[in-house]
Amino acid sequence: VLGCSWLFPPYRWQFGAVSIHTTEVLAFNGPQTRALLQSDP
């Protein structure tokens, strides 16, 4: 998992991140995911 800061206010990265190899990911929209998590406890 890359990135946890999207989940908690103030929604700012606590660390930085750099790809060191070509990196494939599944990207999740943070605000939409937060809304989903609120609507589905």
ModelCIF file with pLDDT and N, C-alpha, C, O atoms, coordinates in Angstrom:
data_MODEL
#
_entry.id   MODEL 
#
_entity.id                         1 
_entity.type                       polymer 
_entity.pdbx_number_of_molecules   1 
#
_entity_poly.entity_id                      1 
_entity_poly.type                           'polypeptide(L)' 
_entity_poly.nstd_linkage                   no 
_entity_poly.nstd_monomer                   no 
_entity_poly.pdbx_seq_one_letter_code       VLGCSWLFPPYRWQFGAVSIHTTEVLAFNGPQTRALLQSDP 
_entity_poly.pdbx_seq_one_letter_code_can   VLGCSWLFPPYRWQFGAVSIHTTEVLAFNGPQTRALLQSDP 
_entity_poly.pdbx_strand_id                 A 
#
loop_
_entity_poly_seq.entity_id 
_entity_poly_seq.num 
_entity_poly_seq.mon_id 
_entity_poly_seq.hetero 
1 1  VAL n 
1 2  LEU n 
1 3  GLY n 
1 4  CYS n 
1 5  SER n 
1 6  TRP n 
1 7  LEU n 
1 8  PHE n 
1 9  PRO n 
1 10 PRO n 
1 11 TYR n 
1 12 ARG n 
1 13 TRP n 
1 14 GLN n 
1 15 PHE n 
1 16 GLY n 
1 17 ALA n 
1 18 VAL n 
1 19 SER n 
1 20 ILE n 
1 21 HIS n 
1 22 THR n 
1 23 THR n 
1 24 GLU n 
1 25 VAL n 
1 26 LEU n 
1 27 ALA n 
1 28 PHE n 
1 29 ASN n 
1 30 GLY n 
1 31 PRO n 
1 32 GLN n 
1 33 THR n 
1 34 ARG n 
1 35 ALA n 
1 36 LEU n 
1 37 LEU n 
1 38 GLN n 
1 39 SER n 
1 40 ASP n 
1 41 PRO n 
#
_struct_asym.id          A 
_struct_asym.entity_id   1 
#
loop_
_ma_qa_metric.id 
_ma_qa_metric.mode 
_ma_qa_metric.name 
_ma_qa_metric.software_group_id 
_ma_qa_metric.type 
1 global pLDDT . pLDDT 
2 local  pLDDT . pLDDT 
#
_ma_qa_metric_global.metric_id      1 
_ma_qa_metric_global.metric_value   96.54 
_ma_qa_metric_global.model_id       1 
_ma_qa_metric_global.ordinal_id     1 
#
loop_
_ma_qa_metric_local.label_asym_id 
_ma_qa_metric_local.label_comp_id 
_ma_qa_metric_local.label_seq_id 
_ma_qa_metric_local.metric_id 
_ma_qa_metric_local.metric_value 
_ma_qa_metric_local.model_id 
_ma_qa_metric_local.ordinal_id 
A VAL 1  2 97.00 1 1  
A LEU 2  2 97.00 1 2  
A GLY 3  2 95.00 1 3  
A CYS 4  2 94.00 1 4  
A SER 5  2 95.00 1 5  
A TRP 6  2 96.00 1 6  
A LEU 7  2 96.00 1 7  
A PHE 8  2 94.00 1 8  
A PRO 9  2 96.00 1 9  
A PRO 10 2 97.00 1 10 
A TYR 11 2 97.00 1 11 
A ARG 12 2 97.00 1 12 
A TRP 13 2 96.00 1 13 
A GLN 14 2 92.00 1 14 
A PHE 15 2 91.00 1 15 
A GLY 16 2 95.00 1 16 
A ALA 17 2 97.00 1 17 
A VAL 18 2 97.00 1 18 
A SER 19 2 98.00 1 19 
A ILE 20 2 96.00 1 20 
A HIS 21 2 93.00 1 21 
A THR 22 2 96.00 1 22 
A THR 23 2 98.00 1 23 
A GLU 24 2 98.00 1 24 
A VAL 25 2 98.00 1 25 
A LEU 26 2 98.00 1 26 
A ALA 27 2 97.00 1 27 
A PHE 28 2 98.00 1 28 
A ASN 29 2 97.00 1 29 
A GLY 30 2 97.00 1 30 
A PRO 31 2 98.00 1 31 
A GLN 32 2 98.00 1 32 
A THR 33 2 98.00 1 33 
A ARG 34 2 98.00 1 34 
A ALA 35 2 98.00 1 35 
A LEU 36 2 98.00 1 36 
A LEU 37 2 97.00 1 37 
A GLN 38 2 97.00 1 38 
A SER 39 2 98.00 1 39 
A ASP 40 2 98.00 1 40 
A PRO 41 2 97.00 1 41 
#
loop_
_atom_site.group_PDB 
_atom_site.id 
_atom_site.type_symbol 
_atom_site.label_atom_id 
_atom_site.label_alt_id 
_atom_site.label_comp_id 
_atom_site.label_asym_id 
_atom_site.label_entity_id 
_atom_site.label_seq_id 
_atom_site.pdbx_PDB_ins_code 
_atom_site.Cartn_x 
_atom_site.Cartn_y 
_atom_site.Cartn_z 
_atom_site.occupancy 
_atom_site.B_iso_or_equiv 
_atom_site.pdbx_formal_charge 
_atom_site.auth_seq_id 
_atom_site.auth_comp_id 
_atom_site.auth_asym_id 
_atom_site.auth_atom_id 
_atom_site.pdbx_PDB_model_num 
ATOM 1   N N  . VAL A 1 1  ? 0.865   -1.179 0.000   1.00 97.00 ? 1  VAL A N  1 
ATOM 2   C CA . VAL A 1 1  ? 0.000   0.000  0.000   1.00 97.00 ? 1  VAL A CA 1 
ATOM 3   C C  . VAL A 1 1  ? 0.899   1.225  0.000   1.00 97.00 ? 1  VAL A C  1 
ATOM 4   O O  . VAL A 1 1  ? 1.869   1.283  0.755   1.00 97.00 ? 1  VAL A O  1 
ATOM 5   N N  . LEU A 1 2  ? 0.588   2.193  -0.830  1.00 97.00 ? 2  LEU A N  1 
ATOM 6   C CA . LEU A 1 2  ? 1.306   3.457  -0.866  1.00 97.00 ? 2  LEU A CA 1 
ATOM 7   C C  . LEU A 1 2  ? 0.313   4.571  -0.575  1.00 97.00 ? 2  LEU A C  1 
ATOM 8   O O  . LEU A 1 2  ? -0.617  4.806  -1.347  1.00 97.00 ? 2  LEU A O  1 
ATOM 9   N N  . GLY A 1 3  ? 0.518   5.249  0.535   1.00 95.00 ? 3  GLY A N  1 
ATOM 10  C CA . GLY A 1 3  ? -0.303  6.402  0.879   1.00 95.00 ? 3  GLY A CA 1 
ATOM 11  C C  . GLY A 1 3  ? -1.380  6.098  1.891   1.00 95.00 ? 3  GLY A C  1 
ATOM 12  O O  . GLY A 1 3  ? -2.279  5.294  1.645   1.00 95.00 ? 3  GLY A O  1 
ATOM 13  N N  . CYS A 1 4  ? -1.277  6.755  3.042   1.00 94.00 ? 4  CYS A N  1 
ATOM 14  C CA . CYS A 1 4  ? -2.302  6.648  4.089   1.00 94.00 ? 4  CYS A CA 1 
ATOM 15  C C  . CYS A 1 4  ? -2.856  8.018  4.454   1.00 94.00 ? 4  CYS A C  1 
ATOM 16  O O  . CYS A 1 4  ? -3.915  8.106  5.076   1.00 94.00 ? 4  CYS A O  1 
ATOM 17  N N  . SER A 1 5  ? -2.167  9.080  4.085   1.00 95.00 ? 5  SER A N  1 
ATOM 18  C CA . SER A 1 5  ? -2.526  10.435 4.521   1.00 95.00 ? 5  SER A CA 1 
ATOM 19  C C  . SER A 1 5  ? -3.837  10.934 3.938   1.00 95.00 ? 5  SER A C  1 
ATOM 20  O O  . SER A 1 5  ? -4.414  11.882 4.471   1.00 95.00 ? 5  SER A O  1 
ATOM 21  N N  . TRP A 1 6  ? -4.321  10.338 2.873   1.00 96.00 ? 6  TRP A N  1 
ATOM 22  C CA . TRP A 1 6  ? -5.596  10.724 2.251   1.00 96.00 ? 6  TRP A CA 1 
ATOM 23  C C  . TRP A 1 6  ? -6.778  10.438 3.175   1.00 96.00 ? 6  TRP A C  1 
ATOM 24  O O  . TRP A 1 6  ? -7.859  11.000 2.996   1.00 96.00 ? 6  TRP A O  1 
ATOM 25  N N  . LEU A 1 7  ? -6.569  9.557  4.170   1.00 96.00 ? 7  LEU A N  1 
ATOM 26  C CA . LEU A 1 7  ? -7.665  9.064  4.996   1.00 96.00 ? 7  LEU A CA 1 
ATOM 27  C C  . LEU A 1 7  ? -7.975  9.963  6.193   1.00 96.00 ? 7  LEU A C  1 
ATOM 28  O O  . LEU A 1 7  ? -9.103  9.967  6.685   1.00 96.00 ? 7  LEU A O  1 
ATOM 29  N N  . PHE A 1 8  ? -6.988  10.720 6.662   1.00 94.00 ? 8  PHE A N  1 
ATOM 30  C CA . PHE A 1 8  ? -7.152  11.499 7.886   1.00 94.00 ? 8  PHE A CA 1 
ATOM 31  C C  . PHE A 1 8  ? -6.825  12.976 7.650   1.00 94.00 ? 8  PHE A C  1 
ATOM 32  O O  . PHE A 1 8  ? -5.849  13.301 6.975   1.00 94.00 ? 8  PHE A O  1 
ATOM 33  N N  . PRO A 1 9  ? -7.659  13.880 8.219   1.00 96.00 ? 9  PRO A N  1 
ATOM 34  C CA . PRO A 1 9  ? -7.341  15.304 8.111   1.00 96.00 ? 9  PRO A CA 1 
ATOM 35  C C  . PRO A 1 9  ? -5.961  15.560 8.705   1.00 96.00 ? 9  PRO A C  1 
ATOM 36  O O  . PRO A 1 9  ? -5.589  14.900 9.675   1.00 96.00 ? 9  PRO A O  1 
ATOM 37  N N  . PRO A 1 10 ? -5.218  16.466 8.172   1.00 97.00 ? 10 PRO A N  1 
ATOM 38  C CA . PRO A 1 10 ? -5.576  17.508 7.211   1.00 97.00 ? 10 PRO A CA 1 
ATOM 39  C C  . PRO A 1 10 ? -5.388  17.094 5.743   1.00 97.00 ? 10 PRO A C  1 
ATOM 40  O O  . PRO A 1 10 ? -5.328  17.955 4.865   1.00 97.00 ? 10 PRO A O  1 
ATOM 41  N N  . TYR A 1 11 ? -5.296  15.788 5.471   1.00 97.00 ? 11 TYR A N  1 
ATOM 42  C CA . TYR A 1 11 ? -5.156  15.258 4.108   1.00 97.00 ? 11 TYR A CA 1 
ATOM 43  C C  . TYR A 1 11 ? -3.926  15.838 3.408   1.00 97.00 ? 11 TYR A C  1 
ATOM 44  O O  . TYR A 1 11 ? -4.001  16.344 2.288   1.00 97.00 ? 11 TYR A O  1 
ATOM 45  N N  . ARG A 1 12 ? -2.798  15.747 4.102   1.00 97.00 ? 12 ARG A N  1 
ATOM 46  C CA . ARG A 1 12 ? -1.497  16.161 3.559   1.00 97.00 ? 12 ARG A CA 1 
ATOM 47  C C  . ARG A 1 12 ? -0.512  15.018 3.780   1.00 97.00 ? 12 ARG A C  1 
ATOM 48  O O  . ARG A 1 12 ? -0.549  14.336 4.804   1.00 97.00 ? 12 ARG A O  1 
ATOM 49  N N  . TRP A 1 13 ? 0.370   14.824 2.800   1.00 96.00 ? 13 TRP A N  1 
ATOM 50  C CA . TRP A 1 13 ? 1.328   13.722 2.889   1.00 96.00 ? 13 TRP A CA 1 
ATOM 51  C C  . TRP A 1 13 ? 2.275   13.937 4.060   1.00 96.00 ? 13 TRP A C  1 
ATOM 52  O O  . TRP A 1 13 ? 2.847   15.015 4.217   1.00 96.00 ? 13 TRP A O  1 
ATOM 53  N N  . GLN A 1 14 ? 2.435   12.908 4.875   1.00 92.00 ? 14 GLN A N  1 
ATOM 54  C CA . GLN A 1 14 ? 3.350   12.942 6.009   1.00 92.00 ? 14 GLN A CA 1 
ATOM 55  C C  . GLN A 1 14 ? 4.775   12.586 5.588   1.00 92.00 ? 14 GLN A C  1 
ATOM 56  O O  . GLN A 1 14 ? 5.735   12.947 6.268   1.00 92.00 ? 14 GLN A O  1 
ATOM 57  N N  . PHE A 1 15 ? 4.909   11.885 4.478   1.00 91.00 ? 15 PHE A N  1 
ATOM 58  C CA . PHE A 1 15 ? 6.197   11.512 3.908   1.00 91.00 ? 15 PHE A CA 1 
ATOM 59  C C  . PHE A 1 15 ? 6.168   11.865 2.428   1.00 91.00 ? 15 PHE A C  1 
ATOM 60  O O  . PHE A 1 15 ? 5.161   12.355 1.917   1.00 91.00 ? 15 PHE A O  1 
ATOM 61  N N  . GLY A 1 16 ? 7.268   11.616 1.749   1.00 95.00 ? 16 GLY A N  1 
ATOM 62  C CA . GLY A 1 16 ? 7.319   11.712 0.301   1.00 95.00 ? 16 GLY A CA 1 
ATOM 63  C C  . GLY A 1 16 ? 7.487   10.319 -0.273  1.00 95.00 ? 16 GLY A C  1 
ATOM 64  O O  . GLY A 1 16 ? 7.726   9.360  0.461   1.00 95.00 ? 16 GLY A O  1 
ATOM 65  N N  . ALA A 1 17 ? 7.360   10.209 -1.604  1.00 97.00 ? 17 ALA A N  1 
ATOM 66  C CA . ALA A 1 17 ? 7.539   8.908  -2.258  1.00 97.00 ? 17 ALA A CA 1 
ATOM 67  C C  . ALA A 1 17 ? 8.137   9.112  -3.644  1.00 97.00 ? 17 ALA A C  1 
ATOM 68  O O  . ALA A 1 17 ? 7.757   10.023 -4.380  1.00 97.00 ? 17 ALA A O  1 
ATOM 69  N N  . VAL A 1 18 ? 9.091   8.233  -3.982  1.00 97.00 ? 18 VAL A N  1 
ATOM 70  C CA . VAL A 1 18 ? 9.754   8.249  -5.280  1.00 97.00 ? 18 VAL A CA 1 
ATOM 71  C C  . VAL A 1 18 ? 9.782   6.830  -5.827  1.00 97.00 ? 18 VAL A C  1 
ATOM 72  O O  . VAL A 1 18 ? 10.140  5.889  -5.118  1.00 97.00 ? 18 VAL A O  1 
ATOM 73  N N  . SER A 1 19 ? 9.404   6.683  -7.089  1.00 98.00 ? 19 SER A N  1 
ATOM 74  C CA . SER A 1 19 ? 9.478   5.379  -7.745  1.00 98.00 ? 19 SER A CA 1 
ATOM 75  C C  . SER A 1 19 ? 10.936  5.091  -8.078  1.00 98.00 ? 19 SER A C  1 
ATOM 76  O O  . SER A 1 19 ? 11.608  5.927  -8.682  1.00 98.00 ? 19 SER A O  1 
ATOM 77  N N  . ILE A 1 20 ? 11.430  3.923  -7.693  1.00 96.00 ? 20 ILE A N  1 
ATOM 78  C CA . ILE A 1 20 ? 12.828  3.602  -7.988  1.00 96.00 ? 20 ILE A CA 1 
ATOM 79  C C  . ILE A 1 20 ? 12.962  2.608  -9.131  1.00 96.00 ? 20 ILE A C  1 
ATOM 80  O O  . ILE A 1 20 ? 14.062  2.383  -9.636  1.00 96.00 ? 20 ILE A O  1 
ATOM 81  N N  . HIS A 1 21 ? 11.865  2.022  -9.533  1.00 93.00 ? 21 HIS A N  1 
ATOM 82  C CA . HIS A 1 21 ? 11.765  1.180  -10.723 1.00 93.00 ? 21 HIS A CA 1 
ATOM 83  C C  . HIS A 1 21 ? 10.439  1.551  -11.377 1.00 93.00 ? 21 HIS A C  1 
ATOM 84  O O  . HIS A 1 21 ? 9.587   2.176  -10.744 1.00 93.00 ? 21 HIS A O  1 
ATOM 85  N N  . THR A 1 22 ? 10.262  1.176  -12.621 1.00 96.00 ? 22 THR A N  1 
ATOM 86  C CA . THR A 1 22 ? 8.937   1.353  -13.201 1.00 96.00 ? 22 THR A CA 1 
ATOM 87  C C  . THR A 1 22 ? 7.967   0.616  -12.292 1.00 96.00 ? 22 THR A C  1 
ATOM 88  O O  . THR A 1 22 ? 8.138   -0.568 -12.003 1.00 96.00 ? 22 THR A O  1 
ATOM 89  N N  . THR A 1 23 ? 6.950   1.335  -11.851 1.00 98.00 ? 23 THR A N  1 
ATOM 90  C CA . THR A 1 23 ? 6.047   0.823  -10.825 1.00 98.00 ? 23 THR A CA 1 
ATOM 91  C C  . THR A 1 23 ? 4.612   0.887  -11.322 1.00 98.00 ? 23 THR A C  1 
ATOM 92  O O  . THR A 1 23 ? 4.115   1.954  -11.682 1.00 98.00 ? 23 THR A O  1 
ATOM 93  N N  . GLU A 1 24 ? 3.952   -0.266 -11.337 1.00 98.00 ? 24 GLU A N  1 
ATOM 94  C CA . GLU A 1 24 ? 2.549   -0.340 -11.735 1.00 98.00 ? 24 GLU A CA 1 
ATOM 95  C C  . GLU A 1 24 ? 1.691   -0.363 -10.476 1.00 98.00 ? 24 GLU A C  1 
ATOM 96  O O  . GLU A 1 24 ? 2.013   -1.028 -9.492  1.00 98.00 ? 24 GLU A O  1 
ATOM 97  N N  . VAL A 1 25 ? 0.593   0.380  -10.534 1.00 98.00 ? 25 VAL A N  1 
ATOM 98  C CA . VAL A 1 25 ? -0.260  0.531  -9.359  1.00 98.00 ? 25 VAL A CA 1 
ATOM 99  C C  . VAL A 1 25 ? -1.732  0.506  -9.739  1.00 98.00 ? 25 VAL A C  1 
ATOM 100 O O  . VAL A 1 25 ? -2.112  0.715  -10.891 1.00 98.00 ? 25 VAL A O  1 
ATOM 101 N N  . LEU A 1 26 ? -2.543  0.243  -8.724  1.00 98.00 ? 26 LEU A N  1 
ATOM 102 C CA . LEU A 1 26 ? -3.964  0.510  -8.792  1.00 98.00 ? 26 LEU A CA 1 
ATOM 103 C C  . LEU A 1 26 ? -4.165  1.781  -7.982  1.00 98.00 ? 26 LEU A C  1 
ATOM 104 O O  . LEU A 1 26 ? -3.873  1.810  -6.786  1.00 98.00 ? 26 LEU A O  1 
ATOM 105 N N  . ALA A 1 27 ? -4.661  2.830  -8.625  1.00 97.00 ? 27 ALA A N  1 
ATOM 106 C CA . ALA A 1 27 ? -4.852  4.131  -7.988  1.00 97.00 ? 27 ALA A CA 1 
ATOM 107 C C  . ALA A 1 27 ? -6.297  4.276  -7.533  1.00 97.00 ? 27 ALA A C  1 
ATOM 108 O O  . ALA A 1 27 ? -7.227  3.952  -8.272  1.00 97.00 ? 27 ALA A O  1 
ATOM 109 N N  . PHE A 1 28 ? -6.476  4.767  -6.305  1.00 98.00 ? 28 PHE A N  1 
ATOM 110 C CA . PHE A 1 28 ? -7.808  4.976  -5.732  1.00 98.00 ? 28 PHE A CA 1 
ATOM 111 C C  . PHE A 1 28 ? -8.013  6.460  -5.478  1.00 98.00 ? 28 PHE A C  1 
ATOM 112 O O  . PHE A 1 28 ? -7.122  7.128  -4.954  1.00 98.00 ? 28 PHE A O  1 
ATOM 113 N N  . ASN A 1 29 ? -9.157  6.972  -5.839  1.00 97.00 ? 29 ASN A N  1 
ATOM 114 C CA . ASN A 1 29 ? -9.522  8.353  -5.575  1.00 97.00 ? 29 ASN A CA 1 
ATOM 115 C C  . ASN A 1 29 ? -9.809  8.505  -4.080  1.00 97.00 ? 29 ASN A C  1 
ATOM 116 O O  . ASN A 1 29 ? -10.734 7.879  -3.561  1.00 97.00 ? 29 ASN A O  1 
ATOM 117 N N  . GLY A 1 30 ? -9.027  9.327  -3.388  1.00 97.00 ? 30 GLY A N  1 
ATOM 118 C CA . GLY A 1 30 ? -9.153  9.478  -1.949  1.00 97.00 ? 30 GLY A CA 1 
ATOM 119 C C  . GLY A 1 30 ? -10.475 10.067 -1.484  1.00 97.00 ? 30 GLY A C  1 
ATOM 120 O O  . GLY A 1 30 ? -11.149 9.451  -0.658  1.00 97.00 ? 30 GLY A O  1 
ATOM 121 N N  . PRO A 1 31 ? -10.881 11.247 -1.987  1.00 98.00 ? 31 PRO A N  1 
ATOM 122 C CA . PRO A 1 31 ? -12.150 11.824 -1.520  1.00 98.00 ? 31 PRO A CA 1 
ATOM 123 C C  . PRO A 1 31 ? -13.356 10.920 -1.790  1.00 98.00 ? 31 PRO A C  1 
ATOM 124 O O  . PRO A 1 31 ? -14.247 10.815 -0.947  1.00 98.00 ? 31 PRO A O  1 
ATOM 125 N N  . GLN A 1 32 ? -13.393 10.275 -2.940  1.00 98.00 ? 32 GLN A N  1 
ATOM 126 C CA . GLN A 1 32 ? -14.510 9.373  -3.227  1.00 98.00 ? 32 GLN A CA 1 
ATOM 127 C C  . GLN A 1 32 ? -14.470 8.146  -2.321  1.00 98.00 ? 32 GLN A C  1 
ATOM 128 O O  . GLN A 1 32 ? -15.513 7.649  -1.895  1.00 98.00 ? 32 GLN A O  1 
ATOM 129 N N  . THR A 1 33 ? -13.271 7.661  -2.031  1.00 98.00 ? 33 THR A N  1 
ATOM 130 C CA . THR A 1 33 ? -13.153 6.507  -1.135  1.00 98.00 ? 33 THR A CA 1 
ATOM 131 C C  . THR A 1 33 ? -13.567 6.895  0.280   1.00 98.00 ? 33 THR A C  1 
ATOM 132 O O  . THR A 1 33 ? -14.243 6.120  0.956   1.00 98.00 ? 33 THR A O  1 
ATOM 133 N N  . ARG A 1 34 ? -13.169 8.087  0.741   1.00 98.00 ? 34 ARG A N  1 
ATOM 134 C CA . ARG A 1 34 ? -13.616 8.537  2.073   1.00 98.00 ? 34 ARG A CA 1 
ATOM 135 C C  . ARG A 1 34 ? -15.139 8.602  2.140   1.00 98.00 ? 34 ARG A C  1 
ATOM 136 O O  . ARG A 1 34 ? -15.736 8.176  3.129   1.00 98.00 ? 34 ARG A O  1 
ATOM 137 N N  . ALA A 1 35 ? -15.768 9.132  1.095   1.00 98.00 ? 35 ALA A N  1 
ATOM 138 C CA . ALA A 1 35 ? -17.234 9.215  1.073   1.00 98.00 ? 35 ALA A CA 1 
ATOM 139 C C  . ALA A 1 35 ? -17.853 7.818  1.127   1.00 98.00 ? 35 ALA A C  1 
ATOM 140 O O  . ALA A 1 35 ? -18.840 7.604  1.830   1.00 98.00 ? 35 ALA A O  1 
ATOM 141 N N  . LEU A 1 36 ? -17.277 6.869  0.388   1.00 98.00 ? 36 LEU A N  1 
ATOM 142 C CA . LEU A 1 36 ? -17.774 5.495  0.411   1.00 98.00 ? 36 LEU A CA 1 
ATOM 143 C C  . LEU A 1 36 ? -17.638 4.898  1.810   1.00 98.00 ? 36 LEU A C  1 
ATOM 144 O O  . LEU A 1 36 ? -18.560 4.246  2.299   1.00 98.00 ? 36 LEU A O  1 
ATOM 145 N N  . LEU A 1 37 ? -16.497 5.118  2.452   1.00 97.00 ? 37 LEU A N  1 
ATOM 146 C CA . LEU A 1 37 ? -16.272 4.545  3.778   1.00 97.00 ? 37 LEU A CA 1 
ATOM 147 C C  . LEU A 1 37 ? -17.232 5.128  4.810   1.00 97.00 ? 37 LEU A C  1 
ATOM 148 O O  . LEU A 1 37 ? -17.610 4.445  5.761   1.00 97.00 ? 37 LEU A O  1 
ATOM 149 N N  . GLN A 1 38 ? -17.626 6.377  4.628   1.00 97.00 ? 38 GLN A N  1 
ATOM 150 C CA . GLN A 1 38 ? -18.614 6.981  5.524   1.00 97.00 ? 38 GLN A CA 1 
ATOM 151 C C  . GLN A 1 38 ? -20.015 6.424  5.272   1.00 97.00 ? 38 GLN A C  1 
ATOM 152 O O  . GLN A 1 38 ? -20.802 6.258  6.203   1.00 97.00 ? 38 GLN A O  1 
ATOM 153 N N  . SER A 1 39 ? -20.314 6.141  4.022   1.00 98.00 ? 39 SER A N  1 
ATOM 154 C CA . SER A 1 39 ? -21.660 5.643  3.697   1.00 98.00 ? 39 SER A CA 1 
ATOM 155 C C  . SER A 1 39 ? -21.827 4.154  3.970   1.00 98.00 ? 39 SER A C  1 
ATOM 156 O O  . SER A 1 39 ? -22.956 3.678  4.085   1.00 98.00 ? 39 SER A O  1 
ATOM 157 N N  . ASP A 1 40 ? -20.741 3.414  4.076   1.00 98.00 ? 40 ASP A N  1 
ATOM 158 C CA . ASP A 1 40 ? -20.779 1.973  4.352   1.00 98.00 ? 40 ASP A CA 1 
ATOM 159 C C  . ASP A 1 40 ? -19.907 1.709  5.578   1.00 98.00 ? 40 ASP A C  1 
ATOM 160 O O  . ASP A 1 40 ? -18.717 1.426  5.438   1.00 98.00 ? 40 ASP A O  1 
ATOM 161 N N  . PRO A 1 41 ? -20.487 1.800  6.785   1.00 97.00 ? 41 PRO A N  1 
ATOM 162 C CA . PRO A 1 41 ? -19.692 1.665  8.015   1.00 97.00 ? 41 PRO A CA 1 
ATOM 163 C C  . PRO A 1 41 ? -18.901 0.359  8.125   1.00 97.00 ? 41 PRO A C  1 
ATOM 164 O O  . PRO A 1 41 ? -18.201 0.143  9.115   1.00 97.00 ? 41 PRO A O  1 
#
